[in-house]
Amino acid sequence: MVETIVPVVHGGSRRRYLASVALHALGATLAAAAFGALLGGIGLLLGAPWGLAGAALVAVLSLVYAAREGVGLRVPLPCRRRQVPQWWRTFFSPPVAAFLYGIGLGVGFLTFLTYGTYVAVSGAALAVGDPGLGALLLAPFGLARGVSVLLAARTSTSEGAAAVVDRLQSVGQTSFPRVVNATALAGLAAIAVLGLVS
């Protein structure tokens, strides 16, 4: 997918490349925000905010996935083991494909996830029962996924972009990102527990 959003695909035009990056980030952010709003709306329909039960849900999700990241607890991630459709890049123009790839990646659960942080934050979006707040909780995920293609900005070939992806995946398997995610999840659990005791 990243191979579609590299300068060489845009004939070396920095302006067209940056436009595709912006469209990709926009698509991912909008999709994540829309999904967060949907979760918040579903929560609202189900009677959220749920008070202590909602705080407990977020605390448990956060602690379970913190243990997954921190100590290797075997907990599945609810996601597809695929990325976005490859055929989009041959059927659509690079800017349209970039936008569609952003939408596909922004929802998160429709593609591959590496860490459980998104699951816990999605649980929080559901538990708050507020579509606006749900959108605000998940939009940063989409934005981060969207702008991550800039890591391949200096590549001049599709193969070079694929090599960047391979390096990122290997870094993602190291302990540092797992510790960062475990720490973020522990922080989210602490916030939820504070909601339980207050």
N, C-alpha and C. Protein backbone atom coordinates (compact mmCIF):
# COMPACT_ATOMS: atom_id res chain seq x y z
N MET A 1 0.82 -1.18 0.00
CA MET A 1 0.00 0.00 0.00
C MET A 1 0.87 1.26 0.00
N VAL A 2 1.91 1.27 0.82
CA VAL A 2 2.79 2.45 0.88
C VAL A 2 3.43 2.71 -0.48
N GLU A 3 3.62 1.63 -1.25
CA GLU A 3 4.24 1.77 -2.56
C GLU A 3 3.43 2.69 -3.48
N THR A 4 2.15 2.88 -3.18
CA THR A 4 1.29 3.76 -3.97
C THR A 4 1.52 5.22 -3.62
N ILE A 5 2.00 5.46 -2.40
CA ILE A 5 2.13 6.84 -1.91
C ILE A 5 3.61 7.16 -1.71
N VAL A 6 4.35 7.13 -2.79
CA VAL A 6 5.76 7.52 -2.79
C VAL A 6 5.97 8.51 -3.93
N PRO A 7 6.99 9.36 -3.83
CA PRO A 7 7.19 10.38 -4.87
C PRO A 7 7.31 9.82 -6.29
N VAL A 8 7.93 8.64 -6.46
CA VAL A 8 8.15 8.12 -7.81
C VAL A 8 6.82 7.83 -8.53
N VAL A 9 5.79 7.45 -7.80
CA VAL A 9 4.48 7.16 -8.39
C VAL A 9 3.86 8.44 -8.95
N HIS A 10 4.27 9.55 -8.41
CA HIS A 10 3.72 10.85 -8.81
C HIS A 10 4.65 11.57 -9.79
N GLY A 11 5.46 10.82 -10.48
CA GLY A 11 6.35 11.40 -11.48
C GLY A 11 7.39 12.33 -10.90
N GLY A 12 7.69 12.15 -9.63
CA GLY A 12 8.67 13.02 -8.99
C GLY A 12 8.12 14.36 -8.57
N SER A 13 6.83 14.61 -8.80
CA SER A 13 6.21 15.88 -8.42
C SER A 13 5.95 15.90 -6.92
N ARG A 14 6.68 16.77 -6.24
CA ARG A 14 6.52 16.87 -4.79
C ARG A 14 5.11 17.35 -4.43
N ARG A 15 4.55 18.23 -5.22
CA ARG A 15 3.21 18.76 -4.95
C ARG A 15 2.16 17.66 -5.03
N ARG A 16 2.22 16.84 -6.08
CA ARG A 16 1.25 15.74 -6.22
C ARG A 16 1.46 14.68 -5.14
N TYR A 17 2.71 14.43 -4.81
CA TYR A 17 3.01 13.47 -3.75
C TYR A 17 2.42 13.94 -2.42
N LEU A 18 2.67 15.20 -2.06
CA LEU A 18 2.16 15.73 -0.79
C LEU A 18 0.64 15.80 -0.79
N ALA A 19 0.03 16.03 -1.95
CA ALA A 19 -1.43 16.01 -2.04
C ALA A 19 -1.96 14.61 -1.75
N SER A 20 -1.28 13.58 -2.27
CA SER A 20 -1.70 12.20 -1.99
C SER A 20 -1.51 11.85 -0.52
N VAL A 21 -0.41 12.32 0.08
CA VAL A 21 -0.19 12.08 1.51
C VAL A 21 -1.30 12.75 2.31
N ALA A 22 -1.64 13.99 1.95
CA ALA A 22 -2.70 14.71 2.66
C ALA A 22 -4.04 13.99 2.51
N LEU A 23 -4.34 13.51 1.31
CA LEU A 23 -5.59 12.78 1.10
C LEU A 23 -5.61 11.47 1.89
N HIS A 24 -4.47 10.81 1.92
CA HIS A 24 -4.36 9.56 2.69
C HIS A 24 -4.61 9.83 4.18
N ALA A 25 -3.94 10.85 4.71
CA ALA A 25 -4.11 11.20 6.13
C ALA A 25 -5.54 11.65 6.42
N LEU A 26 -6.12 12.40 5.49
CA LEU A 26 -7.50 12.85 5.66
C LEU A 26 -8.45 11.65 5.69
N GLY A 27 -8.29 10.74 4.74
CA GLY A 27 -9.14 9.55 4.70
C GLY A 27 -9.04 8.73 5.97
N ALA A 28 -7.81 8.53 6.44
CA ALA A 28 -7.60 7.73 7.65
C ALA A 28 -8.19 8.42 8.88
N THR A 29 -8.00 9.73 8.98
CA THR A 29 -8.52 10.47 10.13
C THR A 29 -10.04 10.50 10.12
N LEU A 30 -10.62 10.75 8.95
CA LEU A 30 -12.09 10.78 8.86
C LEU A 30 -12.69 9.41 9.18
N ALA A 31 -12.07 8.35 8.67
CA ALA A 31 -12.59 7.00 8.93
C ALA A 31 -12.50 6.66 10.42
N ALA A 32 -11.38 6.97 11.03
CA ALA A 32 -11.21 6.68 12.46
C ALA A 32 -12.21 7.50 13.29
N ALA A 33 -12.35 8.77 12.94
CA ALA A 33 -13.30 9.63 13.66
C ALA A 33 -14.73 9.13 13.47
N ALA A 34 -15.08 8.74 12.25
CA ALA A 34 -16.43 8.23 11.99
C ALA A 34 -16.68 6.94 12.77
N PHE A 35 -15.67 6.08 12.83
CA PHE A 35 -15.81 4.84 13.58
C PHE A 35 -15.96 5.15 15.07
N GLY A 36 -15.19 6.10 15.57
CA GLY A 36 -15.32 6.51 16.98
C GLY A 36 -16.70 7.08 17.27
N ALA A 37 -17.22 7.89 16.33
CA ALA A 37 -18.57 8.45 16.49
C ALA A 37 -19.61 7.33 16.49
N LEU A 38 -19.41 6.34 15.61
CA LEU A 38 -20.32 5.20 15.56
C LEU A 38 -20.31 4.43 16.89
N LEU A 39 -19.11 4.17 17.42
CA LEU A 39 -19.02 3.49 18.71
C LEU A 39 -19.68 4.30 19.82
N GLY A 40 -19.42 5.61 19.83
CA GLY A 40 -20.05 6.47 20.83
C GLY A 40 -21.57 6.46 20.69
N GLY A 41 -22.04 6.45 19.44
CA GLY A 41 -23.48 6.40 19.20
C GLY A 41 -24.09 5.08 19.64
N ILE A 42 -23.39 3.98 19.37
CA ILE A 42 -23.87 2.67 19.81
C ILE A 42 -23.92 2.63 21.33
N GLY A 43 -22.87 3.15 21.95
CA GLY A 43 -22.86 3.22 23.41
C GLY A 43 -24.04 4.02 23.94
N LEU A 44 -24.32 5.14 23.31
CA LEU A 44 -25.45 5.99 23.72
C LEU A 44 -26.77 5.21 23.60
N LEU A 45 -26.93 4.50 22.48
CA LEU A 45 -28.15 3.69 22.29
C LEU A 45 -28.28 2.58 23.34
N LEU A 46 -27.13 2.12 23.83
CA LEU A 46 -27.13 1.07 24.84
C LEU A 46 -27.13 1.62 26.27
N GLY A 47 -27.35 2.93 26.39
CA GLY A 47 -27.48 3.54 27.71
C GLY A 47 -26.21 4.10 28.32
N ALA A 48 -25.14 4.17 27.57
CA ALA A 48 -23.89 4.76 28.09
C ALA A 48 -24.07 6.27 28.22
N PRO A 49 -23.33 6.90 29.08
CA PRO A 49 -22.21 6.35 29.86
C PRO A 49 -22.71 5.45 30.98
N TRP A 50 -21.94 4.41 31.22
CA TRP A 50 -22.36 3.37 32.15
C TRP A 50 -21.76 3.54 33.55
N GLY A 51 -21.20 4.68 33.84
CA GLY A 51 -20.67 4.92 35.18
C GLY A 51 -19.59 3.93 35.56
N LEU A 52 -19.79 3.26 36.69
CA LEU A 52 -18.78 2.32 37.19
C LEU A 52 -18.56 1.16 36.23
N ALA A 53 -19.63 0.67 35.61
CA ALA A 53 -19.49 -0.45 34.68
C ALA A 53 -18.66 -0.04 33.47
N GLY A 54 -18.85 1.17 32.96
CA GLY A 54 -18.06 1.66 31.83
C GLY A 54 -16.60 1.83 32.20
N ALA A 55 -16.35 2.40 33.39
CA ALA A 55 -14.97 2.56 33.85
C ALA A 55 -14.31 1.20 34.05
N ALA A 56 -15.07 0.23 34.56
CA ALA A 56 -14.52 -1.12 34.77
C ALA A 56 -14.21 -1.78 33.43
N LEU A 57 -15.09 -1.60 32.44
CA LEU A 57 -14.84 -2.16 31.11
C LEU A 57 -13.53 -1.62 30.53
N VAL A 58 -13.36 -0.31 30.60
CA VAL A 58 -12.14 0.31 30.06
C VAL A 58 -10.91 -0.14 30.85
N ALA A 59 -11.04 -0.22 32.18
CA ALA A 59 -9.90 -0.65 33.01
C ALA A 59 -9.50 -2.08 32.68
N VAL A 60 -10.48 -2.98 32.55
CA VAL A 60 -10.17 -4.38 32.27
C VAL A 60 -9.55 -4.52 30.88
N LEU A 61 -10.16 -3.89 29.85
CA LEU A 61 -9.58 -3.95 28.51
C LEU A 61 -8.15 -3.43 28.51
N SER A 62 -7.93 -2.31 29.17
CA SER A 62 -6.60 -1.70 29.20
C SER A 62 -5.59 -2.60 29.90
N LEU A 63 -5.98 -3.17 31.03
CA LEU A 63 -5.05 -4.03 31.77
C LEU A 63 -4.75 -5.32 31.02
N VAL A 64 -5.76 -5.90 30.39
CA VAL A 64 -5.54 -7.14 29.63
C VAL A 64 -4.57 -6.88 28.48
N TYR A 65 -4.79 -5.79 27.74
CA TYR A 65 -3.90 -5.52 26.61
C TYR A 65 -2.56 -4.97 27.06
N ALA A 66 -2.50 -4.32 28.21
CA ALA A 66 -1.20 -3.92 28.77
C ALA A 66 -0.39 -5.17 29.10
N ALA A 67 -1.05 -6.19 29.66
CA ALA A 67 -0.36 -7.45 29.96
C ALA A 67 0.07 -8.14 28.67
N ARG A 68 -0.74 -8.02 27.62
CA ARG A 68 -0.36 -8.60 26.32
C ARG A 68 0.93 -7.98 25.82
N GLU A 69 0.97 -6.64 25.88
CA GLU A 69 2.15 -5.94 25.36
C GLU A 69 3.34 -6.05 26.31
N GLY A 70 3.07 -5.97 27.61
CA GLY A 70 4.15 -5.92 28.57
C GLY A 70 4.78 -7.25 28.92
N VAL A 71 3.94 -8.28 29.08
CA VAL A 71 4.48 -9.58 29.53
C VAL A 71 4.12 -10.72 28.59
N GLY A 72 3.52 -10.42 27.46
CA GLY A 72 3.25 -11.45 26.46
C GLY A 72 2.02 -12.30 26.70
N LEU A 73 1.07 -11.82 27.52
CA LEU A 73 -0.17 -12.55 27.73
C LEU A 73 -0.82 -12.81 26.37
N ARG A 74 -1.23 -14.02 26.13
CA ARG A 74 -1.79 -14.39 24.83
C ARG A 74 -3.25 -13.96 24.77
N VAL A 75 -3.46 -12.79 24.16
CA VAL A 75 -4.80 -12.23 23.98
C VAL A 75 -4.94 -11.88 22.50
N PRO A 76 -5.99 -12.36 21.86
CA PRO A 76 -6.14 -12.06 20.43
C PRO A 76 -6.51 -10.60 20.18
N LEU A 77 -6.13 -10.12 19.01
CA LEU A 77 -6.53 -8.79 18.57
C LEU A 77 -7.68 -8.96 17.57
N PRO A 78 -8.80 -8.26 17.79
CA PRO A 78 -9.90 -8.37 16.84
C PRO A 78 -9.62 -7.54 15.59
N CYS A 79 -8.99 -8.16 14.62
CA CYS A 79 -8.67 -7.46 13.37
C CYS A 79 -8.56 -8.47 12.24
N ARG A 80 -8.57 -7.94 11.03
CA ARG A 80 -8.34 -8.80 9.86
C ARG A 80 -6.84 -8.92 9.66
N ARG A 81 -6.40 -10.03 9.17
CA ARG A 81 -4.97 -10.23 8.93
C ARG A 81 -4.59 -9.82 7.51
N ARG A 82 -5.27 -8.83 6.99
CA ARG A 82 -4.98 -8.33 5.64
C ARG A 82 -4.88 -6.82 5.68
N GLN A 83 -4.30 -6.31 4.63
CA GLN A 83 -4.30 -4.87 4.46
C GLN A 83 -5.37 -4.51 3.44
N VAL A 84 -5.32 -3.30 2.96
CA VAL A 84 -6.33 -2.84 2.00
C VAL A 84 -6.13 -3.52 0.65
N PRO A 85 -7.18 -3.56 -0.19
CA PRO A 85 -7.09 -4.26 -1.49
C PRO A 85 -6.00 -3.69 -2.40
N GLN A 86 -5.16 -4.57 -2.92
CA GLN A 86 -4.07 -4.16 -3.82
C GLN A 86 -4.61 -3.59 -5.14
N TRP A 87 -5.73 -4.11 -5.61
CA TRP A 87 -6.24 -3.70 -6.92
C TRP A 87 -6.61 -2.23 -6.98
N TRP A 88 -6.86 -1.60 -5.83
CA TRP A 88 -7.20 -0.18 -5.84
C TRP A 88 -6.13 0.66 -6.52
N ARG A 89 -4.86 0.29 -6.30
CA ARG A 89 -3.79 1.12 -6.86
C ARG A 89 -3.65 0.99 -8.37
N THR A 90 -4.20 -0.09 -8.95
CA THR A 90 -4.15 -0.21 -10.40
C THR A 90 -5.42 0.31 -11.05
N PHE A 91 -6.51 0.35 -10.31
CA PHE A 91 -7.79 0.78 -10.86
C PHE A 91 -8.00 2.29 -10.72
N PHE A 92 -7.59 2.86 -9.58
CA PHE A 92 -7.80 4.28 -9.30
C PHE A 92 -6.51 5.07 -9.50
N SER A 93 -6.68 6.37 -9.68
CA SER A 93 -5.51 7.25 -9.77
C SER A 93 -4.79 7.25 -8.42
N PRO A 94 -3.51 7.61 -8.38
CA PRO A 94 -2.78 7.61 -7.10
C PRO A 94 -3.46 8.44 -6.00
N PRO A 95 -3.97 9.66 -6.28
CA PRO A 95 -4.61 10.39 -5.19
C PRO A 95 -5.88 9.71 -4.66
N VAL A 96 -6.69 9.16 -5.57
CA VAL A 96 -7.92 8.48 -5.14
C VAL A 96 -7.57 7.21 -4.36
N ALA A 97 -6.61 6.45 -4.86
CA ALA A 97 -6.17 5.24 -4.15
C ALA A 97 -5.63 5.60 -2.77
N ALA A 98 -4.87 6.68 -2.68
CA ALA A 98 -4.31 7.10 -1.39
C ALA A 98 -5.43 7.41 -0.40
N PHE A 99 -6.46 8.12 -0.87
CA PHE A 99 -7.59 8.45 -0.01
C PHE A 99 -8.33 7.18 0.44
N LEU A 100 -8.59 6.29 -0.50
CA LEU A 100 -9.29 5.04 -0.18
C LEU A 100 -8.47 4.18 0.78
N TYR A 101 -7.15 4.12 0.56
CA TYR A 101 -6.30 3.37 1.48
C TYR A 101 -6.37 3.98 2.88
N GLY A 102 -6.42 5.30 2.95
CA GLY A 102 -6.57 5.96 4.24
C GLY A 102 -7.86 5.55 4.94
N ILE A 103 -8.95 5.54 4.17
CA ILE A 103 -10.24 5.13 4.75
C ILE A 103 -10.16 3.69 5.25
N GLY A 104 -9.57 2.82 4.44
CA GLY A 104 -9.46 1.42 4.84
C GLY A 104 -8.62 1.21 6.08
N LEU A 105 -7.55 1.97 6.21
CA LEU A 105 -6.67 1.83 7.38
C LEU A 105 -7.21 2.53 8.61
N GLY A 106 -7.99 3.59 8.40
CA GLY A 106 -8.45 4.41 9.52
C GLY A 106 -9.38 3.70 10.48
N VAL A 107 -10.18 2.77 9.99
CA VAL A 107 -11.10 2.06 10.88
C VAL A 107 -10.33 1.14 11.83
N GLY A 108 -9.19 0.67 11.41
CA GLY A 108 -8.33 -0.13 12.29
C GLY A 108 -8.66 -1.60 12.29
N PHE A 109 -9.83 -1.98 12.71
CA PHE A 109 -10.19 -3.38 12.82
C PHE A 109 -10.35 -4.07 11.47
N LEU A 110 -10.45 -3.28 10.40
CA LEU A 110 -10.62 -3.87 9.07
C LEU A 110 -9.29 -4.27 8.44
N THR A 111 -8.19 -3.92 9.10
CA THR A 111 -6.86 -4.28 8.60
C THR A 111 -6.06 -4.89 9.75
N PHE A 112 -4.77 -4.98 9.56
CA PHE A 112 -3.89 -5.62 10.54
C PHE A 112 -3.56 -4.65 11.67
N LEU A 113 -3.72 -5.10 12.91
CA LEU A 113 -3.30 -4.35 14.08
C LEU A 113 -2.16 -5.09 14.75
N THR A 114 -1.22 -4.34 15.29
CA THR A 114 -0.09 -4.95 15.98
C THR A 114 -0.25 -4.91 17.49
N TYR A 115 -0.88 -3.87 18.00
CA TYR A 115 -0.99 -3.66 19.44
C TYR A 115 -2.45 -3.50 19.86
N GLY A 116 -2.71 -3.74 21.14
CA GLY A 116 -4.07 -3.69 21.66
C GLY A 116 -4.54 -2.33 22.11
N THR A 117 -3.72 -1.32 21.97
CA THR A 117 -4.09 0.02 22.43
C THR A 117 -5.37 0.50 21.76
N TYR A 118 -5.49 0.25 20.47
CA TYR A 118 -6.67 0.69 19.73
C TYR A 118 -7.93 0.00 20.24
N VAL A 119 -7.82 -1.24 20.66
CA VAL A 119 -8.96 -1.97 21.20
C VAL A 119 -9.46 -1.30 22.47
N ALA A 120 -8.54 -0.97 23.37
CA ALA A 120 -8.92 -0.34 24.63
C ALA A 120 -9.53 1.05 24.41
N VAL A 121 -8.94 1.82 23.51
CA VAL A 121 -9.48 3.16 23.24
C VAL A 121 -10.85 3.04 22.56
N SER A 122 -11.03 2.04 21.72
CA SER A 122 -12.34 1.81 21.11
C SER A 122 -13.36 1.46 22.19
N GLY A 123 -12.95 0.67 23.17
CA GLY A 123 -13.83 0.37 24.30
C GLY A 123 -14.21 1.63 25.05
N ALA A 124 -13.27 2.54 25.20
CA ALA A 124 -13.56 3.82 25.87
C ALA A 124 -14.55 4.64 25.04
N ALA A 125 -14.39 4.63 23.71
CA ALA A 125 -15.32 5.36 22.84
C ALA A 125 -16.73 4.82 22.98
N LEU A 126 -16.86 3.51 23.11
CA LEU A 126 -18.17 2.89 23.31
C LEU A 126 -18.73 3.27 24.68
N ALA A 127 -17.89 3.21 25.70
CA ALA A 127 -18.33 3.42 27.08
C ALA A 127 -18.74 4.87 27.38
N VAL A 128 -18.19 5.84 26.63
CA VAL A 128 -18.55 7.23 26.92
C VAL A 128 -19.95 7.56 26.43
N GLY A 129 -20.43 6.83 25.41
CA GLY A 129 -21.78 7.06 24.92
C GLY A 129 -21.99 8.43 24.32
N ASP A 130 -20.94 8.98 23.72
CA ASP A 130 -21.01 10.31 23.12
C ASP A 130 -20.31 10.25 21.76
N PRO A 131 -21.06 10.40 20.65
CA PRO A 131 -20.44 10.31 19.33
C PRO A 131 -19.30 11.32 19.11
N GLY A 132 -19.46 12.53 19.60
CA GLY A 132 -18.40 13.53 19.43
C GLY A 132 -17.14 13.15 20.17
N LEU A 133 -17.29 12.71 21.40
CA LEU A 133 -16.13 12.30 22.19
C LEU A 133 -15.51 11.02 21.62
N GLY A 134 -16.36 10.12 21.14
CA GLY A 134 -15.85 8.91 20.49
C GLY A 134 -15.00 9.24 19.28
N ALA A 135 -15.47 10.22 18.48
CA ALA A 135 -14.70 10.66 17.32
C ALA A 135 -13.36 11.24 17.74
N LEU A 136 -13.37 12.05 18.79
CA LEU A 136 -12.12 12.65 19.27
C LEU A 136 -11.15 11.61 19.82
N LEU A 137 -11.68 10.55 20.41
CA LEU A 137 -10.81 9.51 20.96
C LEU A 137 -10.09 8.71 19.87
N LEU A 138 -10.78 8.44 18.75
CA LEU A 138 -10.19 7.58 17.73
C LEU A 138 -9.51 8.32 16.58
N ALA A 139 -9.85 9.59 16.38
CA ALA A 139 -9.25 10.35 15.27
C ALA A 139 -7.71 10.35 15.31
N PRO A 140 -7.08 10.48 16.48
CA PRO A 140 -5.60 10.47 16.48
C PRO A 140 -5.00 9.18 15.92
N PHE A 141 -5.67 8.05 16.11
CA PHE A 141 -5.20 6.80 15.53
C PHE A 141 -5.15 6.91 14.01
N GLY A 142 -6.23 7.40 13.43
CA GLY A 142 -6.28 7.55 11.97
C GLY A 142 -5.24 8.53 11.47
N LEU A 143 -5.08 9.64 12.17
CA LEU A 143 -4.08 10.63 11.75
C LEU A 143 -2.68 10.03 11.80
N ALA A 144 -2.37 9.31 12.87
CA ALA A 144 -1.04 8.69 12.99
C ALA A 144 -0.81 7.67 11.89
N ARG A 145 -1.82 6.86 11.61
CA ARG A 145 -1.68 5.89 10.52
C ARG A 145 -1.55 6.60 9.18
N GLY A 146 -2.28 7.68 9.02
CA GLY A 146 -2.25 8.40 7.75
C GLY A 146 -0.91 9.06 7.45
N VAL A 147 -0.32 9.71 8.44
CA VAL A 147 0.94 10.42 8.19
C VAL A 147 2.15 9.49 8.23
N SER A 148 1.95 8.25 8.67
CA SER A 148 3.08 7.33 8.74
C SER A 148 3.69 7.05 7.36
N VAL A 149 2.94 7.28 6.29
CA VAL A 149 3.50 7.06 4.95
C VAL A 149 4.65 8.03 4.66
N LEU A 150 4.75 9.11 5.42
CA LEU A 150 5.85 10.06 5.23
C LEU A 150 7.20 9.43 5.54
N LEU A 151 7.21 8.31 6.25
CA LEU A 151 8.47 7.63 6.53
C LEU A 151 9.13 7.12 5.26
N ALA A 152 8.33 6.95 4.21
CA ALA A 152 8.87 6.49 2.93
C ALA A 152 9.08 7.64 1.95
N ALA A 153 9.06 8.87 2.45
CA ALA A 153 9.14 10.05 1.58
C ALA A 153 10.45 10.14 0.80
N ARG A 154 11.52 9.59 1.32
CA ARG A 154 12.82 9.71 0.65
C ARG A 154 13.12 8.55 -0.30
N THR A 155 12.19 7.62 -0.39
CA THR A 155 12.43 6.49 -1.28
C THR A 155 12.17 6.90 -2.73
N SER A 156 12.90 6.30 -3.62
CA SER A 156 12.75 6.65 -5.03
C SER A 156 12.16 5.50 -5.86
N THR A 157 11.90 4.37 -5.21
CA THR A 157 11.32 3.23 -5.92
C THR A 157 10.26 2.57 -5.05
N SER A 158 9.40 1.80 -5.68
CA SER A 158 8.41 1.02 -4.91
C SER A 158 9.10 -0.01 -4.03
N GLU A 159 10.20 -0.55 -4.51
CA GLU A 159 10.96 -1.52 -3.72
C GLU A 159 11.54 -0.86 -2.47
N GLY A 160 12.01 0.38 -2.63
CA GLY A 160 12.53 1.12 -1.48
C GLY A 160 11.45 1.36 -0.44
N ALA A 161 10.23 1.67 -0.89
CA ALA A 161 9.11 1.86 0.03
C ALA A 161 8.78 0.55 0.75
N ALA A 162 8.82 -0.55 0.00
CA ALA A 162 8.56 -1.86 0.62
C ALA A 162 9.62 -2.17 1.67
N ALA A 163 10.86 -1.77 1.41
CA ALA A 163 11.94 -1.99 2.39
C ALA A 163 11.69 -1.18 3.66
N VAL A 164 11.16 0.05 3.51
CA VAL A 164 10.82 0.87 4.68
C VAL A 164 9.76 0.15 5.51
N VAL A 165 8.75 -0.39 4.84
CA VAL A 165 7.68 -1.12 5.54
C VAL A 165 8.26 -2.32 6.29
N ASP A 166 9.15 -3.04 5.63
CA ASP A 166 9.77 -4.20 6.27
C ASP A 166 10.57 -3.79 7.51
N ARG A 167 11.30 -2.67 7.41
CA ARG A 167 12.07 -2.17 8.57
C ARG A 167 11.13 -1.78 9.70
N LEU A 168 10.03 -1.10 9.36
CA LEU A 168 9.07 -0.70 10.39
C LEU A 168 8.47 -1.92 11.08
N GLN A 169 8.16 -2.94 10.31
CA GLN A 169 7.60 -4.15 10.91
C GLN A 169 8.61 -4.82 11.83
N SER A 170 9.87 -4.80 11.45
CA SER A 170 10.88 -5.42 12.32
C SER A 170 11.08 -4.59 13.59
N VAL A 171 11.03 -3.26 13.47
CA VAL A 171 11.12 -2.41 14.67
C VAL A 171 9.89 -2.63 15.55
N GLY A 172 8.73 -2.82 14.92
CA GLY A 172 7.50 -3.05 15.66
C GLY A 172 7.52 -4.31 16.50
N GLN A 173 8.39 -5.23 16.17
CA GLN A 173 8.50 -6.47 16.93
C GLN A 173 9.50 -6.39 18.07
N THR A 174 10.18 -5.24 18.19
CA THR A 174 11.13 -5.08 19.29
C THR A 174 10.41 -4.71 20.57
N SER A 175 11.13 -4.65 21.66
CA SER A 175 10.50 -4.38 22.95
C SER A 175 10.08 -2.92 23.13
N PHE A 176 10.75 -1.97 22.49
CA PHE A 176 10.45 -0.56 22.74
C PHE A 176 8.99 -0.20 22.44
N PRO A 177 8.45 -0.49 21.24
CA PRO A 177 7.04 -0.12 21.02
C PRO A 177 6.07 -0.88 21.92
N ARG A 178 6.44 -2.09 22.29
CA ARG A 178 5.58 -2.85 23.20
C ARG A 178 5.55 -2.19 24.58
N VAL A 179 6.71 -1.72 25.05
CA VAL A 179 6.77 -1.04 26.34
C VAL A 179 5.98 0.27 26.29
N VAL A 180 6.12 1.01 25.19
CA VAL A 180 5.38 2.26 25.04
C VAL A 180 3.87 2.00 25.07
N ASN A 181 3.41 1.00 24.33
CA ASN A 181 1.99 0.68 24.31
C ASN A 181 1.51 0.15 25.65
N ALA A 182 2.31 -0.68 26.30
CA ALA A 182 1.93 -1.18 27.63
C ALA A 182 1.81 -0.04 28.62
N THR A 183 2.72 0.93 28.52
CA THR A 183 2.68 2.09 29.41
C THR A 183 1.43 2.94 29.15
N ALA A 184 1.13 3.17 27.86
CA ALA A 184 -0.07 3.94 27.51
C ALA A 184 -1.32 3.23 28.02
N LEU A 185 -1.36 1.92 27.86
CA LEU A 185 -2.52 1.15 28.32
C LEU A 185 -2.63 1.16 29.84
N ALA A 186 -1.51 1.08 30.53
CA ALA A 186 -1.54 1.17 31.99
C ALA A 186 -2.04 2.54 32.42
N GLY A 187 -1.65 3.59 31.69
CA GLY A 187 -2.15 4.93 31.99
C GLY A 187 -3.65 5.03 31.78
N LEU A 188 -4.14 4.45 30.69
CA LEU A 188 -5.58 4.45 30.43
C LEU A 188 -6.31 3.67 31.52
N ALA A 189 -5.74 2.54 31.95
CA ALA A 189 -6.34 1.77 33.04
C ALA A 189 -6.39 2.59 34.32
N ALA A 190 -5.30 3.34 34.60
CA ALA A 190 -5.26 4.16 35.81
C ALA A 190 -6.34 5.25 35.77
N ILE A 191 -6.53 5.86 34.60
CA ILE A 191 -7.59 6.87 34.46
C ILE A 191 -8.95 6.23 34.70
N ALA A 192 -9.16 5.04 34.14
CA ALA A 192 -10.43 4.34 34.34
C ALA A 192 -10.64 3.98 35.80
N VAL A 193 -9.59 3.51 36.48
CA VAL A 193 -9.71 3.16 37.89
C VAL A 193 -10.02 4.40 38.71
N LEU A 194 -9.42 5.54 38.36
CA LEU A 194 -9.76 6.78 39.06
C LEU A 194 -11.25 7.09 38.91
N GLY A 195 -11.80 6.76 37.74
CA GLY A 195 -13.24 6.92 37.55
C GLY A 195 -14.05 5.98 38.42
N LEU A 196 -13.49 4.82 38.72
CA LEU A 196 -14.17 3.86 39.58
C LEU A 196 -14.20 4.32 41.03
N VAL A 197 -13.12 4.95 41.48
CA VAL A 197 -13.03 5.33 42.89
C VAL A 197 -13.56 6.73 43.19
N SER A 198 -13.80 7.51 42.14
CA SER A 198 -14.28 8.88 42.41
C SER A 198 -15.78 8.96 42.43
